[in-house]
Amino acid sequence: MKAIGAGLHPVEFGQPMPVSKLGEVVVVLKGEPPACIMPDPMPPCGWFMTQIVLSPDFDGDGRGEILTVDGLGHLFRYSLLANNTLGPWQFLSGGSWLSTKVYAPGDFDGDGLSDLIGVGSTGKMYLYPGTGKLYHQYPDGGNPLGPKRQIGQGWAGYKVFPVGDLTGDGIADLLAIKESTGELFLYAGNGRGGFKYPYPKVGWGWKGFDLYAAGDVNKDGKADILSIDQNGDLYFYAGRGNGTFAKRVKVGNGWTGYTLAAGADLNGDGLADIVSRDEDGNLFFYAGMGAGQFAKRVRIARGW
């Protein structure tokens, strides 16, 4: 975005504010910042959410939830209430997530608790083991995440997608697209927070695509995936239970300009749902209907 006049520097919410200099004016072009009050822990603040991720079940209540990173790098959790509104925010972790891409694979280390995976800007991958607790359950302000440990490196040139159990062994797996070639690789979880070697190539021609964990969209007991191509078309791929997928089926279009998060049953009906955010910060919920189809969207939040 270019300056709009001498000494005027336009800034949209979701971008860091520049350092002010004498004689300069910062002009905010759209949106309103959330209130930044200072309890402990701090609520979501600092412009729009920088990341939106669905967890299959972070707190063990049998339903998925929405995880977010705010503009200050804090990690939060939201649940979807029965009336399709968001419950109150719950703090998970302090401001170190701006330079880390967050993924929610479910239970990745075999202890029965949902975990997080993070990939830093240098390509190192870390496991953040879940403790099964939320911040408000700790009278002394304990941590819902245990100490991180490195589980990989060299991920800077890959798009990573936690996709649930693709291989049918009850252990969460990852898919990864090598961005330079469009090759798709399966990284099967070993149930101890790592991966089974070798890492087979299970597809090609994925350059320019984004993949999303879909959970069990068609309710056949096998994990599925969704993808969005460069034209904004949404496709459903039914999992076969061995790390491969059936032929894709187009289930939507017009997804250009949206941030999409998938891979969890948010409303507890046994079908995987999705949420999306448009360019104005509106957050929408799409209830899963089975067979890769979704109900009409419902707005559940603004200012995201």
Protein backbone atom coordinates (compact mmCIF):
# COMPACT_ATOMS: atom_id res chain seq x y z
CA MET A 1 0.00 0.00 0.00
CA LYS A 2 1.38 3.44 -0.94
CA ALA A 3 1.40 6.59 1.11
CA ILE A 4 -1.60 8.81 0.38
CA GLY A 5 0.04 12.15 0.89
CA ALA A 6 3.08 13.85 2.30
CA GLY A 7 3.61 12.56 5.82
CA LEU A 8 0.51 10.33 5.70
CA HIS A 9 0.99 6.56 5.93
CA PRO A 10 -2.16 4.41 5.58
CA VAL A 11 -2.27 1.30 7.76
CA GLU A 12 -4.96 -1.40 7.79
CA PHE A 13 -5.81 -3.34 10.91
CA GLY A 14 -3.90 -6.60 10.97
CA GLN A 15 -0.66 -4.80 10.12
CA PRO A 16 1.85 -3.50 12.67
CA MET A 17 1.69 0.20 13.41
CA PRO A 18 4.75 2.11 12.16
CA VAL A 19 6.98 4.13 14.43
CA SER A 20 5.68 7.71 14.57
CA LYS A 21 7.94 10.55 13.52
CA LEU A 22 7.54 14.25 14.04
CA GLY A 23 5.14 15.71 11.46
CA GLU A 24 3.70 12.36 10.38
CA VAL A 25 0.12 11.17 10.75
CA VAL A 26 -0.97 7.54 10.73
CA VAL A 27 -4.32 7.04 8.96
CA VAL A 28 -6.32 3.88 9.69
CA LEU A 29 -8.35 3.02 6.60
CA LYS A 30 -10.89 0.49 7.86
CA GLY A 31 -12.02 -1.50 10.86
CA GLU A 32 -11.98 -0.73 14.54
CA PRO A 33 -9.46 -2.17 17.00
CA PRO A 34 -10.76 -4.27 19.88
CA ALA A 35 -10.50 -2.75 23.32
CA CYS A 36 -7.05 -3.32 24.83
CA ILE A 37 -7.57 -3.66 28.53
CA MET A 38 -4.90 -5.19 30.69
CA PRO A 39 -6.11 -8.00 32.96
CA ASP A 40 -4.03 -11.12 33.40
CA PRO A 41 -4.20 -12.86 31.01
CA MET A 42 -4.61 -10.23 28.32
CA PRO A 43 -7.68 -10.64 26.05
CA PRO A 44 -7.39 -10.79 22.26
CA CYS A 45 -6.03 -7.48 21.08
CA GLY A 46 -3.76 -5.78 18.56
CA TRP A 47 -5.88 -5.63 15.37
CA PHE A 48 -7.36 -8.59 13.51
CA MET A 49 -6.51 -12.21 14.35
CA THR A 50 -3.34 -13.23 12.53
CA GLN A 51 -4.15 -16.97 12.56
CA ILE A 52 -7.36 -19.01 12.81
CA VAL A 53 -7.08 -22.77 13.36
CA LEU A 54 -9.65 -25.45 14.20
CA SER A 55 -8.71 -28.03 16.83
CA PRO A 56 -10.55 -31.39 16.82
CA ASP A 57 -10.87 -31.26 20.62
CA PHE A 58 -8.35 -29.31 22.66
CA ASP A 59 -9.99 -29.51 26.09
CA GLY A 60 -11.44 -33.03 26.03
CA ASP A 61 -15.14 -32.09 25.91
CA GLY A 62 -15.79 -34.08 22.73
CA ARG A 63 -16.24 -31.02 20.51
CA GLY A 64 -13.88 -29.03 18.35
CA GLU A 65 -12.97 -25.41 18.98
CA ILE A 66 -11.44 -22.39 17.31
CA LEU A 67 -7.87 -21.39 18.16
CA THR A 68 -6.61 -17.92 17.27
CA VAL A 69 -3.46 -15.82 17.44
CA ASP A 70 -4.05 -12.12 17.97
CA GLY A 71 -1.93 -9.22 16.75
CA LEU A 72 0.22 -9.34 19.88
CA GLY A 73 1.11 -13.01 19.40
CA HIS A 74 -1.14 -14.43 22.13
CA LEU A 75 -2.93 -17.76 21.61
CA PHE A 76 -6.63 -18.11 22.52
CA ARG A 77 -9.42 -20.68 22.38
CA TYR A 78 -13.11 -20.20 21.55
CA SER A 79 -15.96 -22.71 21.56
CA LEU A 80 -19.15 -22.50 19.49
CA LEU A 81 -22.32 -22.21 21.57
CA ALA A 82 -25.68 -23.81 20.77
CA ASN A 83 -27.06 -20.60 19.24
CA ASN A 84 -24.16 -20.35 16.75
CA THR A 85 -22.35 -17.66 18.70
CA LEU A 86 -18.88 -17.77 20.17
CA GLY A 87 -18.29 -18.48 23.83
CA PRO A 88 -15.93 -16.26 25.84
CA TRP A 89 -12.26 -16.29 24.93
CA GLN A 90 -9.91 -18.48 26.94
CA PHE A 91 -6.21 -17.71 27.10
CA LEU A 92 -3.80 -20.51 26.15
CA SER A 93 -0.33 -19.07 25.73
CA GLY A 94 1.56 -15.77 25.77
CA GLY A 95 2.91 -13.58 22.99
CA SER A 96 5.38 -15.78 21.11
CA TRP A 97 3.22 -16.98 18.22
CA LEU A 98 3.57 -14.21 15.62
CA SER A 99 6.55 -15.91 13.97
CA THR A 100 5.19 -19.45 14.44
CA LYS A 101 2.61 -21.12 12.21
CA VAL A 102 0.18 -23.00 14.45
CA TYR A 103 -1.32 -26.41 13.63
CA ALA A 104 -3.74 -28.49 15.70
CA PRO A 105 -3.30 -32.21 14.85
CA GLY A 106 -5.21 -33.58 17.85
CA ASP A 107 -3.38 -36.15 20.00
CA PHE A 108 0.02 -36.42 18.34
CA ASP A 109 2.12 -37.98 21.11
CA GLY A 110 -0.21 -40.77 22.23
CA ASP A 111 -1.07 -39.55 25.72
CA GLY A 112 -4.76 -39.01 25.00
CA LEU A 113 -4.48 -35.21 25.11
CA SER A 114 -4.68 -32.84 22.14
CA ASP A 115 -1.44 -31.14 21.18
CA LEU A 116 -0.24 -28.32 18.96
CA ILE A 117 2.49 -28.24 16.35
CA GLY A 118 4.35 -25.07 15.43
CA VAL A 119 6.66 -24.31 12.50
CA GLY A 120 8.95 -21.32 12.95
CA SER A 121 10.31 -18.97 10.33
CA THR A 122 13.54 -20.98 10.09
CA GLY A 123 11.68 -24.19 9.20
CA LYS A 124 12.05 -25.92 12.56
CA MET A 125 9.01 -27.89 13.69
CA TYR A 126 8.05 -28.13 17.37
CA LEU A 127 5.54 -30.18 19.33
CA TYR A 128 3.65 -28.35 22.09
CA PRO A 129 2.09 -31.14 24.20
CA GLY A 130 -1.33 -30.44 25.64
CA THR A 131 -1.86 -30.76 29.36
CA GLY A 132 -5.63 -31.19 29.15
CA LYS A 133 -6.19 -27.99 31.11
CA LEU A 134 -7.25 -24.47 30.24
CA TYR A 135 -5.79 -21.36 31.82
CA HIS A 136 -8.85 -20.51 33.94
CA GLN A 137 -8.65 -23.96 35.58
CA TYR A 138 -5.30 -23.05 37.13
CA PRO A 139 -5.53 -20.89 40.27
CA ASP A 140 -1.82 -20.09 39.91
CA GLY A 141 -1.93 -19.27 36.19
CA GLY A 142 -0.45 -22.57 34.94
CA ASN A 143 0.22 -23.40 31.30
CA PRO A 144 -2.21 -25.44 29.17
CA LEU A 145 0.79 -26.41 27.00
CA GLY A 146 3.80 -28.37 28.21
CA PRO A 147 7.40 -27.54 27.24
CA LYS A 148 7.93 -27.59 23.48
CA ARG A 149 10.35 -30.01 21.84
CA GLN A 150 11.75 -29.99 18.33
CA ILE A 151 10.46 -32.80 16.11
CA GLY A 152 11.76 -31.72 12.71
CA GLN A 153 13.56 -29.18 10.56
CA GLY A 154 13.73 -28.11 6.94
CA TRP A 155 10.01 -27.31 6.71
CA ALA A 156 10.44 -23.76 5.38
CA GLY A 157 9.72 -24.80 1.79
CA TYR A 158 6.63 -26.86 2.60
CA LYS A 159 2.96 -26.20 3.23
CA VAL A 160 2.01 -28.38 6.20
CA PHE A 161 -1.47 -29.81 6.83
CA PRO A 162 -2.47 -31.86 9.89
CA VAL A 163 -5.17 -34.10 8.46
CA GLY A 164 -6.16 -36.50 11.22
CA ASP A 165 -5.73 -40.26 10.88
CA LEU A 166 -5.25 -40.94 7.18
CA THR A 167 -3.71 -44.39 7.53
CA GLY A 168 -6.30 -46.03 9.77
CA ASP A 169 -3.97 -46.79 12.68
CA GLY A 170 -5.61 -44.37 15.11
CA ILE A 171 -2.65 -41.93 15.03
CA ALA A 172 -2.76 -38.38 13.64
CA ASP A 173 -0.79 -37.78 10.43
CA LEU A 174 0.45 -34.82 8.36
CA LEU A 175 0.38 -34.02 4.67
CA ALA A 176 2.89 -31.58 3.18
CA ILE A 177 3.14 -29.91 -0.21
CA LYS A 178 6.64 -29.13 -1.45
CA GLU A 179 6.01 -25.62 -2.75
CA SER A 180 8.71 -25.66 -5.44
CA THR A 181 7.40 -28.82 -7.15
CA GLY A 182 3.79 -29.32 -6.04
CA GLU A 183 4.56 -32.83 -4.78
CA LEU A 184 2.39 -34.11 -1.92
CA PHE A 185 3.99 -36.20 0.84
CA LEU A 186 2.50 -38.20 3.70
CA TYR A 187 4.15 -37.96 7.12
CA ALA A 188 2.47 -40.70 9.14
CA GLY A 189 2.52 -40.09 12.88
CA ASN A 190 4.33 -42.66 15.01
CA GLY A 191 2.20 -42.04 18.11
CA ARG A 192 5.16 -40.63 20.06
CA GLY A 193 5.21 -37.10 18.65
CA GLY A 194 7.24 -37.93 15.55
CA PHE A 195 6.88 -39.51 12.10
CA LYS A 196 7.29 -42.93 10.54
CA TYR A 197 10.04 -43.20 7.93
CA PRO A 198 9.94 -43.26 4.92
CA TYR A 199 7.72 -40.34 3.90
CA PRO A 200 5.90 -41.54 0.77
CA LYS A 201 4.84 -39.26 -2.06
CA VAL A 202 1.07 -39.60 -2.40
CA GLY A 203 0.37 -37.01 -5.09
CA TRP A 204 1.69 -34.34 -7.42
CA GLY A 205 0.38 -31.28 -9.23
CA TRP A 206 -0.56 -29.51 -5.99
CA LYS A 207 1.41 -26.34 -6.64
CA GLY A 208 -0.78 -23.33 -5.90
CA PHE A 209 -3.28 -25.34 -3.85
CA ASP A 210 -4.15 -25.04 -0.18
CA LEU A 211 -5.23 -28.17 1.68
CA TYR A 212 -7.38 -28.37 4.78
CA ALA A 213 -8.10 -31.14 7.25
CA ALA A 214 -11.78 -31.94 6.88
CA GLY A 215 -12.24 -34.55 9.56
CA ASP A 216 -14.70 -37.27 8.55
CA VAL A 217 -16.89 -35.18 6.25
CA ASN A 218 -18.87 -38.04 4.71
CA LYS A 219 -19.14 -40.05 7.97
CA ASP A 220 -17.54 -43.24 6.64
CA GLY A 221 -15.02 -43.46 9.48
CA LYS A 222 -12.10 -42.20 7.34
CA ALA A 223 -10.40 -38.80 7.40
CA ASP A 224 -11.02 -36.58 4.38
CA ILE A 225 -9.48 -33.37 3.05
CA LEU A 226 -10.64 -30.19 1.34
CA SER A 227 -8.69 -28.02 -1.08
CA ILE A 228 -8.99 -24.60 -2.67
CA ASP A 229 -7.42 -24.00 -6.07
CA GLN A 230 -6.14 -20.80 -7.62
CA ASN A 231 -9.62 -19.94 -8.94
CA GLY A 232 -11.20 -20.11 -5.49
CA ASP A 233 -12.97 -23.42 -6.17
CA LEU A 234 -13.48 -25.71 -3.17
CA TYR A 235 -12.97 -29.46 -3.63
CA PHE A 236 -13.66 -32.47 -1.42
CA TYR A 237 -11.39 -35.55 -1.42
CA ALA A 238 -12.76 -38.64 0.35
CA GLY A 239 -10.09 -40.52 2.27
CA ARG A 240 -9.59 -44.21 1.52
CA GLY A 241 -8.05 -44.98 4.91
CA ASN A 242 -4.57 -45.76 3.52
CA GLY A 243 -3.19 -42.27 2.94
CA THR A 244 -4.71 -41.86 -0.52
CA PHE A 245 -7.92 -40.21 -1.70
CA ALA A 246 -10.80 -40.75 -4.08
CA LYS A 247 -11.27 -38.49 -7.10
CA ARG A 248 -12.04 -34.94 -6.09
CA VAL A 249 -15.56 -33.51 -6.10
CA LYS A 250 -16.24 -29.79 -6.45
CA VAL A 251 -18.37 -28.63 -3.52
CA GLY A 252 -18.11 -24.84 -3.70
CA ASN A 253 -16.68 -21.78 -5.39
CA GLY A 254 -15.99 -18.12 -4.75
CA TRP A 255 -13.45 -18.71 -1.98
CA THR A 256 -10.94 -16.16 -3.24
CA GLY A 257 -10.18 -13.63 -0.53
CA TYR A 258 -11.29 -15.86 2.34
CA THR A 259 -9.29 -17.39 5.16
CA LEU A 260 -10.55 -20.93 5.69
CA ALA A 261 -10.16 -23.21 8.73
CA ALA A 262 -11.40 -26.80 8.78
CA GLY A 263 -10.95 -30.14 10.50
CA ALA A 264 -13.25 -30.09 13.54
CA ASP A 265 -16.83 -30.78 14.59
CA LEU A 266 -17.74 -27.49 16.25
CA ASN A 267 -21.44 -28.08 16.91
CA GLY A 268 -21.22 -31.65 18.20
CA ASP A 269 -23.38 -33.35 15.54
CA GLY A 270 -20.67 -35.78 14.45
CA LEU A 271 -19.96 -33.99 11.15
CA ALA A 272 -16.91 -31.87 10.43
CA ASP A 273 -17.56 -28.14 9.96
CA ILE A 274 -15.61 -25.21 8.55
CA VAL A 275 -15.23 -21.53 9.36
CA SER A 276 -14.07 -18.71 7.13
CA ARG A 277 -13.08 -15.08 7.47
CA ASP A 278 -13.64 -12.50 4.76
CA GLU A 279 -11.48 -9.47 4.02
CA ASP A 280 -13.61 -7.28 6.31
CA GLY A 281 -12.94 -9.48 9.34
CA ASN A 282 -16.33 -11.23 9.46
CA LEU A 283 -16.12 -14.81 10.75
CA PHE A 284 -18.60 -17.34 9.30
CA PHE A 285 -19.61 -20.84 10.37
CA TYR A 286 -20.59 -23.55 7.87
CA ALA A 287 -22.20 -26.61 9.46
CA GLY A 288 -21.23 -29.90 7.86
CA MET A 289 -24.05 -31.84 6.19
CA GLY A 290 -22.13 -34.93 5.10
CA ALA A 291 -20.87 -36.00 1.64
CA GLY A 292 -18.69 -32.90 1.47
CA GLN A 293 -21.63 -30.51 1.65
CA PHE A 294 -22.11 -27.59 4.05
CA ALA A 295 -25.10 -25.57 5.25
CA LYS A 296 -25.56 -21.89 4.46
CA ARG A 297 -23.05 -19.77 6.31
CA VAL A 298 -23.85 -18.02 9.58
CA ARG A 299 -21.84 -15.04 10.80
CA ILE A 300 -20.52 -15.75 14.29
CA ALA A 301 -18.09 -12.87 14.88
CA ARG A 302 -16.87 -9.53 13.59
CA GLY A 303 -13.58 -7.72 13.83
CA TRP A 304 -11.43 -10.80 13.25
